[in-house]
Amino acid sequence: MKAVVWHGPGDIRLDDVSDPTIQEPNDAVVRITTSAICGTDLHMVRGTMAGMEPGTVLGHEAVGVVEETGPGVRNLPKGTRVVIGSTVGCGYCSYCRSGTYSQCDNANPNGRNAGTAFFGGPGPTGPFDGMQAEYVRVPFANVGAVPVPEGVTDEQAIMVSDIFPTAWFGGRLAEVGQGDTVAVLGAGPVGQFAVVSALLQGAGRVIVVDGVPSRLEAARRLGGEAVDYNAEDPVQVLQEITGGSGPDRVIDAVGVDSERPKTGPAAEGAEPAEQAEQERAQVAPDSGQRGEQWEPGDGPSQAALWAVQGIAKAGTIGVIGVYPQTYATYPFGQAFMKNLTIRTGNCPHRRYIPDLLRLVASGVVDPATVMTQHEGVTNAIEAYETFDRREEGWIKTVLSTS
């Protein structure tokens, strides 16, 4: 089958690889009809998430059709159309039963204390071959592969595989409630859904900070108030438009690949270049950068700083942007002096997927509106490169294998 395969930092290829097979009783083999490219995938290619193993198939988002199941999968007949959650959970350990599927005791082959298991990730997460491919083996498929309701399209369902649940989780981490003013850092695909999620969770206002005009315009269409960090100082603006207090909640949807402002008043007060470069060397010692391609973000702590500095005292920050285990710098001193609550972690996708699918099926939300590109899997490498360069108009790219 065709698949997008990681060979090293800055080196991904469309390869022919062996078809997956059933290995465990709770496995299923799913024929993928739609996959997608996520910002998390770029961490693997840029080198800001260490521990990747050559030969790993990338991708952690998919919609497809069940082709084969092991004897332990009692709920998915052949031909069932499913959306597959990005993280893997067994469904029966204490963590899964409490809804924290992303900390499952049994899914990660590296042991119960190894942390999150997910598709297409580094060795410490499994590894499990990902879903930018024609077929995928789904462990614990009786839990992680969720039937898609009639009338929900692939383009809608694929958003419920990862980015919509992750954004919803960000709102829960940030404790978004009725009437809250919420700031979302980052207007990429997860940031777009963070706007939607915060409003559905009761936010009175949502303010979105990014430096790409097309992404800010997309956030406006969803109901967000846009702040361009290359034209304004986001911390100052967050204070000014909230009567001097700052937002009640912040959702950091950027993570370690944050960018320093290049122009405007925020550029003067940005994270110092020397400090940022030291941090970047720390998180990406083996960078995949090739000229202007696969360049790690030049301000690893920039989003964290803006979150802590911009939020109201005693506010809550939900961190869903990826910070790898090699990242060791966070403005805890400033957070401490403001009595902030910081909550973070990998999304327990299976907890939220069924309810979000119901919202989509009922017409409350049309997540396909965030999709900006639809490419065939054979064009995946070129699509990766364009998305990596943050080109105007590229927010969410869906890959079709049909």
Protein backbone atom coordinates (compact mmCIF):
# COMPACT_ATOMS: atom_id res chain seq x y z
CA MET A 1 0.00 0.00 0.00
CA LYS A 2 1.00 3.67 -0.33
CA ALA A 3 1.89 5.53 2.87
CA VAL A 4 3.66 8.68 4.08
CA VAL A 5 6.76 7.39 5.89
CA TRP A 6 9.19 9.16 8.24
CA HIS A 7 12.84 8.42 7.39
CA GLY A 8 14.51 11.15 9.45
CA PRO A 9 14.17 14.81 10.41
CA GLY A 10 13.28 16.69 7.23
CA ASP A 11 12.92 13.43 5.28
CA ILE A 12 9.44 12.06 4.59
CA ARG A 13 8.50 10.01 1.53
CA LEU A 14 5.52 8.39 -0.12
CA ASP A 15 6.52 4.73 0.01
CA ASP A 16 5.11 1.33 -0.79
CA VAL A 17 4.82 -0.57 2.51
CA SER A 18 3.28 -3.86 3.60
CA ASP A 19 -0.45 -3.95 4.30
CA PRO A 20 -1.27 -4.18 8.04
CA THR A 21 -2.61 -7.40 9.52
CA ILE A 22 -4.49 -8.47 12.63
CA GLN A 23 -2.00 -9.00 15.49
CA GLU A 24 -4.18 -8.98 18.61
CA PRO A 25 -7.76 -10.08 19.33
CA ASN A 26 -9.03 -6.49 19.65
CA ASP A 27 -7.43 -5.30 16.41
CA ALA A 28 -9.20 -4.17 13.28
CA VAL A 29 -7.83 -3.41 9.84
CA VAL A 30 -9.50 -0.33 8.42
CA ARG A 31 -9.39 0.79 4.78
CA ILE A 32 -8.81 4.51 5.01
CA THR A 33 -10.94 6.76 2.84
CA THR A 34 -9.87 10.11 4.32
CA SER A 35 -6.87 11.20 6.38
CA ALA A 36 -5.37 14.60 7.16
CA ILE A 37 -2.18 16.52 7.91
CA CYS A 38 -1.90 18.00 11.40
CA GLY A 39 0.47 20.49 12.98
CA THR A 40 1.61 17.70 15.29
CA ASP A 41 2.87 15.81 12.22
CA LEU A 42 5.11 18.78 11.50
CA HIS A 43 6.78 18.38 14.90
CA MET A 44 8.01 14.95 13.80
CA VAL A 45 9.38 16.28 10.52
CA ARG A 46 10.90 19.47 11.94
CA GLY A 47 12.59 17.55 14.74
CA THR A 48 10.77 19.24 17.62
CA MET A 49 9.48 15.89 18.85
CA ALA A 50 12.39 13.53 19.39
CA GLY A 51 12.43 9.74 19.36
CA MET A 52 10.89 9.02 15.98
CA GLU A 53 11.85 5.67 14.47
CA PRO A 54 12.71 5.45 10.75
CA GLY A 55 10.03 3.61 8.80
CA THR A 56 7.12 4.86 10.91
CA VAL A 57 4.00 5.71 8.91
CA LEU A 58 2.83 9.22 9.82
CA GLY A 59 -0.65 10.53 10.54
CA HIS A 60 -3.11 10.27 13.43
CA GLU A 61 -6.43 11.22 11.85
CA ALA A 62 -8.61 8.95 9.72
CA VAL A 63 -12.06 7.97 8.56
CA GLY A 64 -12.46 4.59 6.89
CA VAL A 65 -14.26 1.30 6.50
CA VAL A 66 -13.69 -1.80 8.64
CA GLU A 67 -12.24 -4.58 6.48
CA GLU A 68 -11.28 -7.19 9.07
CA THR A 69 -11.50 -7.64 12.84
CA GLY A 70 -10.00 -9.87 15.50
CA PRO A 71 -12.25 -12.08 17.64
CA GLY A 72 -12.30 -9.52 20.46
CA VAL A 73 -14.01 -6.87 18.35
CA ARG A 74 -17.70 -7.62 18.88
CA ASN A 75 -19.24 -4.30 17.84
CA LEU A 76 -17.89 -3.52 14.35
CA PRO A 77 -19.18 -5.65 11.46
CA LYS A 78 -17.18 -5.63 8.25
CA GLY A 79 -18.16 -2.59 6.21
CA THR A 80 -18.80 -0.32 9.22
CA ARG A 81 -17.76 3.27 8.49
CA VAL A 82 -15.71 4.62 11.40
CA VAL A 83 -13.72 7.59 12.63
CA ILE A 84 -10.54 6.63 14.49
CA GLY A 85 -9.39 8.62 17.50
CA SER A 86 -5.77 9.76 17.49
CA THR A 87 -4.88 8.34 20.89
CA VAL A 88 -5.17 4.65 21.81
CA GLY A 89 -7.03 3.37 24.87
CA CYS A 90 -8.06 -0.08 26.02
CA GLY A 91 -11.42 0.98 27.42
CA TYR A 92 -11.23 -1.13 30.59
CA CYS A 93 -8.39 0.20 32.78
CA SER A 94 -9.20 2.71 35.52
CA TYR A 95 -7.96 5.63 33.44
CA CYS A 96 -10.07 4.76 30.40
CA ARG A 97 -13.12 4.09 32.56
CA SER A 98 -12.75 7.54 34.08
CA GLY A 99 -12.50 9.10 30.60
CA THR A 100 -8.73 9.69 30.58
CA TYR A 101 -8.11 7.42 27.61
CA SER A 102 -4.85 9.20 26.74
CA GLN A 103 -3.25 7.79 29.92
CA CYS A 104 -4.38 4.20 29.37
CA ASP A 105 -2.48 1.60 31.41
CA ASN A 106 -2.49 -0.99 28.63
CA ALA A 107 -2.22 0.72 25.24
CA ASN A 108 1.43 1.79 25.26
CA PRO A 109 3.79 -1.16 24.64
CA ASN A 110 6.50 0.68 26.60
CA GLY A 111 4.65 0.10 29.88
CA ARG A 112 1.84 1.48 31.97
CA ASN A 113 3.82 4.55 33.05
CA ALA A 114 5.08 5.41 29.56
CA GLY A 115 2.26 7.88 28.95
CA THR A 116 0.13 8.52 25.89
CA ALA A 117 -0.01 6.06 23.01
CA PHE A 118 -0.96 7.52 19.65
CA PHE A 119 -0.76 6.78 15.95
CA GLY A 120 2.22 7.93 13.89
CA GLY A 121 4.27 9.15 16.83
CA PRO A 122 7.73 8.64 18.36
CA GLY A 123 8.99 5.41 19.92
CA PRO A 124 7.88 6.37 23.45
CA THR A 125 4.26 6.57 22.22
CA GLY A 126 4.28 2.99 20.90
CA PRO A 127 5.13 3.39 18.18
CA PHE A 128 2.02 2.65 16.13
CA ASP A 129 2.05 3.12 12.37
CA GLY A 130 -0.12 6.07 11.45
CA MET A 131 -2.99 6.74 9.12
CA GLN A 132 -1.65 8.69 6.15
CA ALA A 133 -1.92 5.44 4.27
CA GLU A 134 -4.41 3.22 2.46
CA TYR A 135 -4.92 0.87 5.44
CA VAL A 136 -4.24 0.95 9.18
CA ARG A 137 -4.19 -1.55 12.04
CA VAL A 138 -6.30 -0.17 14.88
CA PRO A 139 -5.44 -1.61 18.33
CA PHE A 140 -8.39 -1.84 20.75
CA ALA A 141 -10.62 -1.08 17.78
CA ASN A 142 -13.73 -1.99 19.76
CA VAL A 143 -13.06 1.24 21.70
CA GLY A 144 -11.05 3.54 19.41
CA ALA A 145 -12.97 3.12 16.13
CA VAL A 146 -16.30 4.93 16.48
CA PRO A 147 -19.13 4.40 13.94
CA VAL A 148 -19.96 7.50 11.89
CA PRO A 149 -23.65 8.50 11.94
CA GLU A 150 -25.63 8.45 8.72
CA GLY A 151 -25.42 11.77 6.91
CA VAL A 152 -22.04 12.82 8.34
CA THR A 153 -19.53 13.22 5.50
CA ASP A 154 -15.88 12.16 5.53
CA GLU A 155 -14.88 15.83 5.48
CA GLN A 156 -16.90 16.41 8.64
CA ALA A 157 -15.93 13.20 10.42
CA ILE A 158 -12.19 13.62 9.86
CA MET A 159 -12.26 16.79 11.98
CA VAL A 160 -13.68 14.74 14.86
CA SER A 161 -10.72 12.33 14.74
CA ASP A 162 -8.35 14.77 16.43
CA ILE A 163 -8.56 18.54 16.06
CA PHE A 164 -12.14 19.14 17.21
CA PRO A 165 -11.82 16.89 20.30
CA THR A 166 -8.42 18.42 21.10
CA ALA A 167 -9.85 21.93 20.93
CA TRP A 168 -12.84 20.91 23.03
CA PHE A 169 -10.43 19.40 25.58
CA GLY A 170 -8.55 22.70 25.59
CA GLY A 171 -11.72 24.47 26.64
CA ARG A 172 -12.31 21.92 29.41
CA LEU A 173 -8.70 22.29 30.62
CA ALA A 174 -9.10 26.08 30.68
CA GLU A 175 -12.38 25.70 32.58
CA VAL A 176 -14.31 27.82 30.09
CA GLY A 177 -17.70 28.74 31.54
CA GLN A 178 -20.72 30.94 30.97
CA GLY A 179 -19.79 34.49 30.04
CA ASP A 180 -16.01 34.00 30.19
CA THR A 181 -13.66 36.01 28.03
CA VAL A 182 -11.31 33.52 26.39
CA ALA A 183 -8.08 34.11 24.49
CA VAL A 184 -6.96 31.49 21.98
CA LEU A 185 -3.29 31.56 21.05
CA GLY A 186 -2.84 30.18 17.54
CA ALA A 187 -5.36 30.22 14.68
CA GLY A 188 -4.26 27.01 13.01
CA PRO A 189 -6.79 24.18 12.69
CA VAL A 190 -6.92 23.41 16.42
CA GLY A 191 -7.14 27.12 17.20
CA GLN A 192 -10.10 27.48 14.82
CA PHE A 193 -11.93 24.70 16.62
CA ALA A 194 -10.95 26.23 19.97
CA VAL A 195 -13.00 29.28 18.95
CA VAL A 196 -15.98 27.04 18.13
CA SER A 197 -15.55 24.99 21.30
CA ALA A 198 -15.21 27.96 23.64
CA LEU A 199 -18.37 29.56 22.27
CA LEU A 200 -20.30 26.29 22.57
CA GLN A 201 -19.04 25.95 26.15
CA GLY A 202 -20.52 29.33 27.05
CA ALA A 203 -17.79 31.91 26.43
CA GLY A 204 -19.04 35.46 26.05
CA ARG A 205 -16.06 36.57 23.96
CA VAL A 206 -13.22 34.76 22.20
CA ILE A 207 -10.08 36.65 21.20
CA VAL A 208 -7.68 34.96 18.77
CA VAL A 209 -3.96 35.75 18.49
CA ASP A 210 -1.97 34.75 15.40
CA GLY A 211 0.36 36.27 12.80
CA VAL A 212 -1.14 34.87 9.57
CA PRO A 213 -3.89 37.12 8.14
CA SER A 214 -5.86 34.35 6.40
CA ARG A 215 -6.03 32.35 9.62
CA LEU A 216 -7.22 35.39 11.57
CA GLU A 217 -9.88 36.06 8.95
CA ALA A 218 -11.09 32.46 9.23
CA ALA A 219 -11.30 32.88 13.03
CA ARG A 220 -13.38 36.05 12.57
CA ARG A 221 -15.88 34.12 10.47
CA LEU A 222 -16.30 31.71 13.39
CA GLY A 223 -16.98 34.52 15.85
CA GLY A 224 -13.49 35.29 17.14
CA GLU A 225 -11.96 38.75 17.64
CA ALA A 226 -8.63 38.87 15.80
CA VAL A 227 -5.28 40.14 17.10
CA ASP A 228 -2.30 40.11 14.69
CA TYR A 229 0.89 39.81 16.72
CA ASN A 230 2.92 41.18 13.79
CA ALA A 231 0.93 44.42 13.94
CA GLU A 232 0.04 44.78 17.63
CA ASP A 233 1.37 43.75 21.03
CA PRO A 234 -1.02 40.91 21.97
CA VAL A 235 -0.48 41.26 25.72
CA GLN A 236 -1.25 44.96 25.57
CA VAL A 237 -4.32 44.42 23.39
CA LEU A 238 -5.66 41.65 25.65
CA GLN A 239 -5.41 44.05 28.57
CA GLU A 240 -6.93 47.00 26.73
CA ILE A 241 -10.01 45.24 25.36
CA THR A 242 -10.86 43.62 28.70
CA GLY A 243 -10.85 46.79 30.78
CA GLY A 244 -7.30 46.24 32.01
CA SER A 245 -7.79 42.80 33.55
CA GLY A 246 -7.00 40.36 30.73
CA PRO A 247 -9.05 37.32 29.64
CA ASP A 248 -10.38 34.87 32.22
CA ARG A 249 -9.16 31.83 30.31
CA VAL A 250 -6.43 31.14 27.75
CA ILE A 251 -6.15 28.17 25.40
CA ASP A 252 -2.59 27.69 24.10
CA ALA A 253 -3.09 25.98 20.75
CA VAL A 254 0.47 26.67 19.54
CA GLY A 255 3.03 24.87 21.66
CA VAL A 256 6.75 24.65 21.12
CA ASP A 257 6.76 25.67 17.44
CA SER A 258 5.67 29.19 18.38
CA GLU A 259 6.92 32.07 16.23
CA ARG A 260 8.38 35.34 17.46
CA PRO A 261 6.74 38.49 15.99
CA LYS A 262 8.71 39.84 13.04
CA THR A 263 7.29 43.38 12.93
CA GLY A 264 5.24 45.76 15.04
CA PRO A 265 5.48 46.74 18.71
CA ALA A 266 5.50 43.14 19.97
CA ALA A 267 8.76 42.45 18.15
CA GLU A 268 10.63 44.72 20.58
CA GLY A 269 9.40 42.88 23.67
CA ALA A 270 9.50 39.37 22.23
CA GLU A 271 11.44 36.49 23.70
CA PRO A 272 15.14 37.41 23.23
CA ALA A 273 16.57 35.80 20.10
CA GLU A 274 19.58 34.29 21.90
CA GLN A 275 17.38 32.69 24.56
CA ALA A 276 14.95 31.44 21.91
CA GLU A 277 17.78 29.88 19.92
CA GLN A 278 19.08 28.07 23.02
CA GLU A 279 15.59 26.72 23.67
CA ARG A 280 15.21 25.64 20.06
CA ALA A 281 18.50 23.75 20.24
CA GLN A 282 17.24 22.09 23.41
CA VAL A 283 13.93 20.89 21.94
CA ALA A 284 15.24 20.12 18.44
CA PRO A 285 18.89 19.04 18.71
CA ASP A 286 18.50 17.16 15.41
CA SER A 287 16.54 19.71 13.39
CA GLY A 288 15.04 18.72 10.06
CA GLN A 289 15.48 22.21 8.64
CA ARG A 290 16.40 22.36 4.95
CA GLY A 291 16.74 26.03 4.00
CA GLU A 292 13.32 27.56 4.74
CA GLN A 293 11.64 24.14 4.84
CA TRP A 294 10.97 22.21 8.07
CA GLU A 295 12.18 25.11 10.22
CA PRO A 296 11.27 24.75 13.92
CA GLY A 297 9.48 27.73 15.44
CA ASP A 298 11.91 30.49 16.38
CA GLY A 299 10.25 31.30 19.73
CA PRO A 300 9.60 28.07 21.67
CA SER A 301 8.39 29.93 24.78
CA GLN A 302 6.65 32.82 23.03
CA ALA A 303 3.08 31.50 23.27
CA ALA A 304 3.65 30.44 26.89
CA LEU A 305 4.91 33.91 27.77
CA TRP A 306 1.97 35.64 26.12
CA ALA A 307 -0.47 33.28 27.85
CA VAL A 308 0.95 33.95 31.30
CA GLN A 309 1.46 37.68 30.79
CA GLY A 310 -1.86 38.34 29.08
CA ILE A 311 -4.31 36.41 31.26
CA ALA A 312 -6.17 37.87 34.24
CA LYS A 313 -4.94 37.14 37.74
CA ALA A 314 -6.20 33.78 39.08
CA GLY A 315 -7.10 32.75 35.52
CA THR A 316 -6.77 29.30 33.98
CA ILE A 317 -4.58 28.28 31.04
CA GLY A 318 -5.35 25.14 29.04
CA VAL A 319 -2.33 23.96 27.08
CA ILE A 320 -3.08 21.72 24.09
CA GLY A 321 -0.27 22.87 21.80
CA VAL A 322 2.50 20.26 21.89
CA TYR A 323 5.46 20.77 24.25
CA PRO A 324 7.78 17.73 23.99
CA GLN A 325 9.53 16.07 26.89
CA THR A 326 12.76 17.85 25.91
CA TYR A 327 11.17 21.26 26.63
CA ALA A 328 12.21 22.50 30.05
CA THR A 329 11.44 26.24 30.00
CA TYR A 330 8.14 27.72 31.14
CA PRO A 331 7.47 31.07 32.91
CA PHE A 332 6.35 29.44 36.15
CA GLY A 333 7.63 32.33 38.25
CA GLN A 334 5.31 34.79 36.52
CA ALA A 335 2.44 32.29 36.70
CA PHE A 336 3.06 31.76 40.41
CA MET A 337 2.89 35.47 41.17
CA LYS A 338 -0.49 35.71 39.40
CA ASN A 339 -2.06 32.66 41.10
CA LEU A 340 -2.65 31.02 37.74
CA THR A 341 -3.89 27.49 37.15
CA ILE A 342 -2.16 25.67 34.29
CA ARG A 343 -3.65 22.43 32.98
CA THR A 344 -2.22 20.47 30.11
CA GLY A 345 -1.88 17.10 28.41
CA ASN A 346 -2.83 14.93 25.46
CA CYS A 347 -6.49 14.82 24.54
CA PRO A 348 -8.46 11.70 25.56
CA HIS A 349 -10.16 11.66 22.15
CA ARG A 350 -12.50 8.73 22.75
CA ARG A 351 -14.11 10.63 25.63
CA TYR A 352 -15.38 13.37 23.32
CA ILE A 353 -15.79 11.82 19.85
CA PRO A 354 -19.31 10.36 20.29
CA ASP A 355 -20.81 13.61 21.61
CA LEU A 356 -19.07 15.73 18.98
CA LEU A 357 -20.33 13.41 16.23
CA ARG A 358 -23.85 13.95 17.58
CA LEU A 359 -23.36 17.73 17.39
CA VAL A 360 -22.27 17.37 13.77
CA ALA A 361 -25.09 14.96 12.85
CA SER A 362 -27.69 17.29 14.37
CA GLY A 363 -26.40 20.28 12.39
CA VAL A 364 -25.20 22.30 15.40
CA VAL A 365 -21.66 22.42 13.95
CA ASP A 366 -20.29 21.88 10.45
CA PRO A 367 -16.60 21.14 11.08
CA ALA A 368 -15.86 20.81 7.37
CA THR A 369 -15.88 24.61 7.10
CA VAL A 370 -12.36 24.63 8.60
CA MET A 371 -11.02 22.46 5.75
CA THR A 372 -9.12 24.57 3.20
CA GLN A 373 -7.41 21.96 0.97
CA HIS A 374 -8.38 18.49 -0.25
CA GLU A 375 -5.54 16.52 -1.82
CA GLY A 376 -4.96 12.95 -2.91
CA VAL A 377 -2.55 10.95 -0.78
CA THR A 378 -0.16 10.87 -3.75
CA ASN A 379 0.23 14.66 -3.33
CA ALA A 380 0.87 14.38 0.41
CA ILE A 381 4.55 15.40 0.42
CA GLU A 382 3.92 18.59 -1.53
CA ALA A 383 0.96 19.35 0.75
CA TYR A 384 3.19 18.83 3.81
CA GLU A 385 5.76 21.26 2.44
CA THR A 386 3.19 23.98 1.72
CA PHE A 387 1.49 23.59 5.10
CA ASP A 388 4.89 23.70 6.82
CA ARG A 389 5.66 27.06 5.22
CA ARG A 390 2.47 28.53 6.75
CA GLU A 391 1.41 29.77 3.34
CA GLU A 392 -1.64 32.02 3.14
CA GLY A 393 -4.91 30.13 2.95
CA TRP A 394 -3.53 26.79 4.21
CA ILE A 395 -5.28 25.90 7.48
CA LYS A 396 -6.41 22.27 7.29
CA THR A 397 -5.47 19.78 4.56
CA VAL A 398 -7.48 16.60 4.09
CA LEU A 399 -6.01 13.63 2.20
CA SER A 400 -8.22 11.31 0.19
CA THR A 401 -7.23 7.76 -0.77
CA SER A 402 -10.29 7.14 -2.95
